[in-house]
Amino acid sequence: MSWSNNLSNDDKLLLAAIDLIAEKGYNGVSTQEIATLAGLSEKTLFRRFGSKQNLLETAFDRFHYAEEITKLFNEKLLWDLQTDLFLISRTYHEIMNRNRKMIMISIKEEGNLPGFRERTQKHPRQLLEILTNYFMTMYEKGKLIRTNPELQALSFMMLNFGAFMNNLDSNDNFPNVSLETFIMESVQTFTRALTP
């Protein structure tokens, strides 16, 4: 696999690990294979990451959505419920679809690696906290009805996660409903339900 020459050695190793582990499973890939695909030595892999599990966990932290979503909430919200929820949903699906291989790895390997499940839950928990705070602020601004903000945040997350999971292996499950149509309809329904 050829990656941009602009990638750091760490990113080359992280991406090689994601590609190979997604294809062969965690136990089906050696550190030597990962290093070779990245165009680096196994010694470099161990010097930089120490172990294959640490390499995978670092890849998950580096390329998952927490950082991007945090930036979105800090810089791009307009404090208009419908507009913001459209942006949040679209960004969430863009990131999740970009990281399909990592999601597949987390599903397949969570029971095989000590502490990996807890590590993969960091991102959804962070999103839950950020979204809960958003709903609380919207209520304080008079733009949201009185409700349980954490429950609404979890409902919104599960709605989007369910849609993503439905299309993880195939987009053919509901071929008459595009992701964009689903996002538009679900955000409009959510907005109508929560707007005073």
Protein backbone atom coordinates (compact mmCIF):
# COMPACT_ATOMS: atom_id res chain seq x y z
CA MET A 1 0.00 0.00 0.00
CA SER A 2 1.37 3.43 -0.81
CA TRP A 3 0.68 6.35 1.43
CA SER A 4 1.62 9.94 0.98
CA ASN A 5 5.26 10.74 1.60
CA ASN A 6 3.94 13.50 3.84
CA LEU A 7 2.82 10.98 6.45
CA SER A 8 4.95 10.59 9.54
CA ASN A 9 6.43 7.18 10.29
CA ASP A 10 3.99 6.88 13.18
CA ASP A 11 1.00 7.46 10.89
CA LYS A 12 2.34 4.95 8.37
CA LEU A 13 2.54 2.34 11.12
CA LEU A 14 -0.90 3.23 12.47
CA LEU A 15 -2.53 3.00 9.05
CA ALA A 16 -0.74 -0.25 8.20
CA ALA A 17 -1.94 -1.75 11.48
CA ILE A 18 -5.54 -0.70 10.78
CA ASP A 19 -5.46 -2.13 7.24
CA LEU A 20 -3.90 -5.46 8.18
CA ILE A 21 -5.82 -6.05 11.42
CA ALA A 22 -9.10 -5.23 9.69
CA GLU A 23 -8.26 -7.77 7.00
CA LYS A 24 -6.68 -10.59 9.03
CA GLY A 25 -7.68 -9.98 12.65
CA TYR A 26 -5.45 -8.97 15.52
CA ASN A 27 -3.96 -12.43 16.07
CA GLY A 28 -3.55 -13.02 12.34
CA VAL A 29 -1.05 -10.20 11.85
CA SER A 30 2.54 -9.96 13.00
CA THR A 31 4.36 -6.77 13.90
CA GLN A 32 6.80 -7.61 11.12
CA GLU A 33 3.94 -7.58 8.57
CA ILE A 34 2.73 -4.21 9.87
CA ALA A 35 6.22 -2.70 9.71
CA THR A 36 6.82 -4.10 6.22
CA LEU A 37 3.55 -2.68 4.88
CA ALA A 38 4.46 0.69 6.40
CA GLY A 39 7.88 0.51 4.71
CA LEU A 40 9.67 0.58 8.06
CA SER A 41 11.52 -1.83 10.30
CA GLU A 42 9.94 -3.85 13.08
CA LYS A 43 12.49 -2.23 15.40
CA THR A 44 10.98 1.18 14.57
CA LEU A 45 7.50 -0.13 15.40
CA PHE A 46 8.63 -1.35 18.83
CA ARG A 47 10.68 1.77 19.50
CA ARG A 48 7.69 4.00 18.76
CA PHE A 49 4.82 1.92 20.22
CA GLY A 50 6.25 -0.84 22.38
CA SER A 51 3.67 -3.46 21.44
CA LYS A 52 1.11 -4.37 18.81
CA GLN A 53 -1.76 -3.69 21.23
CA ASN A 54 -0.40 -0.23 22.06
CA LEU A 55 -0.06 0.43 18.32
CA LEU A 56 -3.72 -0.51 17.76
CA GLU A 57 -4.93 1.52 20.75
CA THR A 58 -2.93 4.53 19.58
CA ALA A 59 -4.44 4.17 16.10
CA PHE A 60 -7.90 4.13 17.62
CA ASP A 61 -7.21 7.27 19.65
CA ARG A 62 -5.51 9.06 16.76
CA PHE A 63 -8.09 8.46 14.06
CA HIS A 64 -11.40 8.22 15.90
CA TYR A 65 -13.83 11.08 16.30
CA ALA A 66 -13.32 12.67 19.74
CA GLU A 67 -10.90 15.37 18.61
CA GLU A 68 -12.85 16.30 15.47
CA ILE A 69 -16.19 16.35 17.27
CA THR A 70 -14.78 18.47 20.10
CA LYS A 71 -13.51 20.98 17.54
CA LEU A 72 -16.91 21.03 15.83
CA PHE A 73 -18.67 21.82 19.13
CA ASN A 74 -16.12 24.48 20.04
CA GLU A 75 -15.94 26.26 16.68
CA LYS A 76 -18.83 25.54 14.32
CA LEU A 77 -22.12 25.48 16.20
CA LEU A 78 -24.63 28.22 15.46
CA TRP A 79 -26.87 27.52 18.50
CA ASP A 80 -29.77 26.72 16.19
CA LEU A 81 -31.00 23.23 17.11
CA GLN A 82 -31.85 21.95 13.64
CA THR A 83 -28.79 23.42 11.94
CA ASP A 84 -26.49 22.14 14.67
CA LEU A 85 -27.99 18.64 14.75
CA PHE A 86 -27.66 18.39 10.95
CA LEU A 87 -23.99 19.36 11.26
CA ILE A 88 -23.37 16.96 14.15
CA SER A 89 -25.08 14.03 12.38
CA ARG A 90 -23.35 14.60 9.06
CA THR A 91 -19.95 14.99 10.71
CA TYR A 92 -20.49 11.90 12.86
CA HIS A 93 -21.38 9.76 9.84
CA GLU A 94 -18.51 11.19 7.79
CA ILE A 95 -16.02 10.29 10.52
CA MET A 96 -17.55 6.88 11.25
CA ASN A 97 -17.60 5.94 7.56
CA ARG A 98 -14.02 7.10 7.14
CA ASN A 99 -13.10 4.84 10.07
CA ARG A 100 -15.11 1.76 9.08
CA LYS A 101 -12.09 -0.51 9.39
CA MET A 102 -11.42 0.65 12.94
CA ILE A 103 -15.05 0.11 13.91
CA MET A 104 -14.94 -3.41 12.51
CA ILE A 105 -11.75 -4.07 14.47
CA SER A 106 -13.29 -2.78 17.69
CA ILE A 107 -16.32 -5.04 17.25
CA LYS A 108 -14.26 -8.12 16.41
CA GLU A 109 -11.43 -7.65 18.90
CA GLU A 110 -13.00 -6.05 21.97
CA GLY A 111 -13.18 -9.35 23.86
CA ASN A 112 -9.72 -10.51 22.82
CA LEU A 113 -7.58 -7.65 24.09
CA PRO A 114 -7.40 -6.70 27.78
CA GLY A 115 -8.63 -3.14 28.32
CA PHE A 116 -9.46 -2.54 24.65
CA ARG A 117 -13.23 -2.31 25.17
CA GLU A 118 -12.76 0.36 27.82
CA ARG A 119 -10.40 2.24 25.54
CA THR A 120 -12.84 2.16 22.61
CA GLN A 121 -15.65 3.46 24.83
CA LYS A 122 -13.74 6.67 25.53
CA HIS A 123 -14.92 8.35 22.34
CA PRO A 124 -18.67 7.66 22.68
CA ARG A 125 -18.56 8.69 26.34
CA GLN A 126 -16.87 11.93 25.41
CA LEU A 127 -19.48 12.58 22.71
CA LEU A 128 -22.26 11.86 25.23
CA GLU A 129 -20.81 14.42 27.63
CA ILE A 130 -20.35 17.08 24.94
CA LEU A 131 -23.83 16.54 23.49
CA THR A 132 -25.40 16.56 26.97
CA ASN A 133 -23.72 19.90 27.71
CA TYR A 134 -24.96 21.23 24.37
CA PHE A 135 -28.56 20.29 25.20
CA MET A 136 -28.23 21.83 28.68
CA THR A 137 -26.94 25.09 27.17
CA MET A 138 -29.73 25.09 24.57
CA TYR A 139 -32.27 24.73 27.40
CA GLU A 140 -30.65 27.61 29.31
CA LYS A 141 -30.89 29.75 26.16
CA GLY A 142 -34.62 28.95 25.94
CA LYS A 143 -34.14 26.98 22.71
CA LEU A 144 -34.97 23.53 24.09
CA ILE A 145 -37.86 22.22 26.17
CA ARG A 146 -37.26 21.00 29.70
CA THR A 147 -36.03 17.44 29.33
CA ASN A 148 -33.35 15.06 30.50
CA PRO A 149 -30.38 16.31 28.44
CA GLU A 150 -28.28 13.19 28.95
CA LEU A 151 -31.13 10.93 27.85
CA GLN A 152 -31.75 13.10 24.77
CA ALA A 153 -28.01 13.07 23.96
CA LEU A 154 -27.91 9.28 24.29
CA SER A 155 -31.04 8.92 22.14
CA PHE A 156 -29.55 11.10 19.42
CA MET A 157 -26.27 9.18 19.53
CA MET A 158 -27.97 5.78 19.39
CA LEU A 159 -30.14 6.90 16.50
CA ASN A 160 -27.04 7.80 14.50
CA PHE A 161 -24.99 4.83 15.67
CA GLY A 162 -27.81 2.47 14.71
CA ALA A 163 -27.95 3.97 11.23
CA PHE A 164 -24.19 3.61 10.87
CA MET A 165 -24.21 0.00 12.10
CA ASN A 166 -27.06 -0.86 9.74
CA ASN A 167 -24.85 0.14 6.81
CA LEU A 168 -21.53 -1.13 8.19
CA ASP A 169 -21.35 -4.22 6.00
CA SER A 170 -23.67 -3.13 3.21
CA ASN A 171 -25.68 -0.15 2.08
CA ASP A 172 -28.34 -2.49 0.70
CA ASN A 173 -30.34 -3.04 3.90
CA PHE A 174 -32.71 -0.16 3.17
CA PRO A 175 -31.87 0.82 -0.41
CA ASN A 176 -34.79 3.26 -0.74
CA VAL A 177 -33.54 5.48 2.08
CA SER A 178 -30.28 7.32 1.61
CA LEU A 179 -28.17 8.31 4.60
CA GLU A 180 -28.79 11.98 3.83
CA THR A 181 -32.56 11.46 3.74
CA PHE A 182 -32.37 9.57 7.03
CA ILE A 183 -30.33 12.35 8.64
CA MET A 184 -32.69 15.08 7.41
CA GLU A 185 -35.83 13.29 8.55
CA SER A 186 -34.49 12.21 11.93
CA VAL A 187 -33.04 15.65 12.73
CA GLN A 188 -36.32 17.33 11.75
CA THR A 189 -38.26 14.93 13.99
CA PHE A 190 -35.84 15.43 16.88
CA THR A 191 -35.98 19.22 16.44
CA ARG A 192 -39.79 19.31 16.41
CA ALA A 193 -39.92 17.21 19.56
CA LEU A 194 -37.46 19.35 21.53
CA THR A 195 -38.22 22.90 20.36
CA PRO A 196 -40.39 24.98 22.73
